[in-house]
Amino acid sequence: MVADRIKDLREQNNWTQADLAKLLGITRSSVNAWEMGISVPSTQYVVELANLFKVSTDYLLCVDTSSTVSVDGLTERDIQLVYSLICHLKDKNKHED
C-alpha cells in the first residue's frame, strides 16, 4: 500500500513527518494523511517523493515488484558481464526450486 511505502521510506531516512513535509513544502498533516491512507499524493508529489527516497515511482506506488539495475557509466563489455551474471543466477535459482 502506498501509505505504508511512504511511512517505511520516511522512517528508513530517519525523517519525521515534519521533516518530510518541510522538504516537500507541504504541511505535516498532509504527510500524516498520506501515511494513514486518508489521501494519496498527487502525481507531482509522487515524483518528488520518488526522487527524495531514490526509488522508482512504480516502487512507491506498489505497481511492480521487478527490480532494475542502472548500467550508467559501464562499458558494453561490463554490461554483457552483468547480463551474463543475471542469467546465471536466474538459472541457478530455477534449478534450486
Protein backbone atom coordinates (compact mmCIF):
# COMPACT_ATOMS: atom_id res chain seq x y z
CA MET A 1 0.00 0.00 0.00
CA VAL A 2 1.28 3.48 -0.88
CA ALA A 3 0.71 4.73 2.65
CA ASP A 4 2.96 2.02 4.09
CA ARG A 5 5.68 2.64 1.50
CA ILE A 6 5.80 6.36 2.28
CA LYS A 7 5.98 5.74 6.02
CA ASP A 8 8.61 2.98 5.69
CA LEU A 9 10.80 5.07 3.39
CA ARG A 10 10.45 8.13 5.62
CA GLU A 11 11.46 6.11 8.67
CA GLN A 12 14.40 4.49 6.83
CA ASN A 13 15.69 8.03 6.26
CA ASN A 14 15.16 8.88 9.94
CA TRP A 15 12.84 11.73 9.00
CA THR A 16 9.83 12.86 10.98
CA GLN A 17 6.60 13.69 9.22
CA ALA A 18 7.50 17.33 9.79
CA ASP A 19 10.92 16.81 8.15
CA LEU A 20 9.36 15.25 5.05
CA ALA A 21 6.68 17.93 4.89
CA LYS A 22 9.33 20.66 5.02
CA LEU A 23 11.32 19.03 2.20
CA LEU A 24 8.16 18.92 0.07
CA GLY A 25 6.86 22.37 1.06
CA ILE A 26 3.60 20.99 2.47
CA THR A 27 2.03 20.59 5.89
CA ARG A 28 2.79 17.77 8.31
CA SER A 29 -0.90 16.91 8.33
CA SER A 30 -0.72 16.23 4.58
CA VAL A 31 2.08 13.71 5.13
CA ASN A 32 0.11 12.20 8.01
CA ALA A 33 -2.96 11.85 5.78
CA TRP A 34 -0.89 10.02 3.15
CA GLU A 35 0.55 7.66 5.74
CA MET A 36 -2.89 7.00 7.26
CA GLY A 37 -4.35 6.25 3.83
CA ILE A 38 -6.83 9.12 4.15
CA SER A 39 -5.50 10.72 0.97
CA VAL A 40 -2.90 9.96 -1.67
CA PRO A 41 -0.18 12.25 -3.00
CA SER A 42 -0.78 13.96 -6.33
CA THR A 43 1.33 12.95 -9.31
CA GLN A 44 3.66 15.87 -8.64
CA TYR A 45 4.34 14.65 -5.10
CA VAL A 46 4.69 11.01 -6.15
CA VAL A 47 7.54 12.11 -8.43
CA GLU A 48 9.07 14.32 -5.73
CA LEU A 49 8.82 11.53 -3.14
CA ALA A 50 10.44 9.04 -5.52
CA ASN A 51 13.30 11.46 -6.13
CA LEU A 52 13.76 12.18 -2.41
CA PHE A 53 13.73 8.49 -1.48
CA LYS A 54 15.75 7.47 -4.56
CA VAL A 55 13.18 4.86 -5.62
CA SER A 56 11.06 4.47 -8.72
CA THR A 57 7.52 5.78 -8.85
CA ASP A 58 6.42 2.20 -9.57
CA TYR A 59 8.01 1.06 -6.32
CA LEU A 60 6.41 3.90 -4.40
CA LEU A 61 3.01 3.10 -5.88
CA CYS A 62 3.45 -0.68 -5.36
CA VAL A 63 2.94 -1.20 -9.10
CA ASP A 64 5.80 -3.50 -9.93
CA THR A 65 7.86 -5.97 -7.98
CA SER A 66 10.66 -6.19 -10.53
CA SER A 67 13.98 -4.50 -9.98
CA THR A 68 16.21 -2.53 -12.27
CA VAL A 69 19.95 -2.15 -12.40
CA SER A 70 21.48 1.05 -13.68
CA VAL A 71 24.26 0.44 -16.19
CA ASP A 72 25.16 4.10 -16.49
CA GLY A 73 28.91 4.51 -16.76
CA LEU A 74 29.56 0.88 -17.67
CA THR A 75 31.25 -0.23 -20.84
CA GLU A 76 29.50 -2.53 -23.30
CA ARG A 77 31.68 -5.38 -22.01
CA ASP A 78 30.71 -4.59 -18.40
CA ILE A 79 27.03 -4.64 -19.38
CA GLN A 80 27.46 -8.03 -21.07
CA LEU A 81 29.10 -9.41 -17.92
CA VAL A 82 26.30 -8.11 -15.70
CA TYR A 83 23.72 -9.63 -18.04
CA SER A 84 25.55 -12.97 -18.05
CA LEU A 85 25.69 -12.98 -14.26
CA ILE A 86 21.96 -12.25 -14.00
CA CYS A 87 21.18 -15.10 -16.42
CA HIS A 88 23.43 -17.44 -14.46
CA LEU A 89 21.77 -16.59 -11.14
CA LYS A 90 18.25 -16.94 -12.57
CA ASP A 91 19.13 -20.35 -13.99
CA LYS A 92 20.75 -21.43 -10.72
CA ASN A 93 17.70 -20.34 -8.69
CA LYS A 94 15.33 -22.06 -11.11
CA HIS A 95 17.09 -25.37 -10.51
CA GLU A 96 17.08 -24.90 -6.73
CA ASP A 97 13.28 -24.50 -6.59
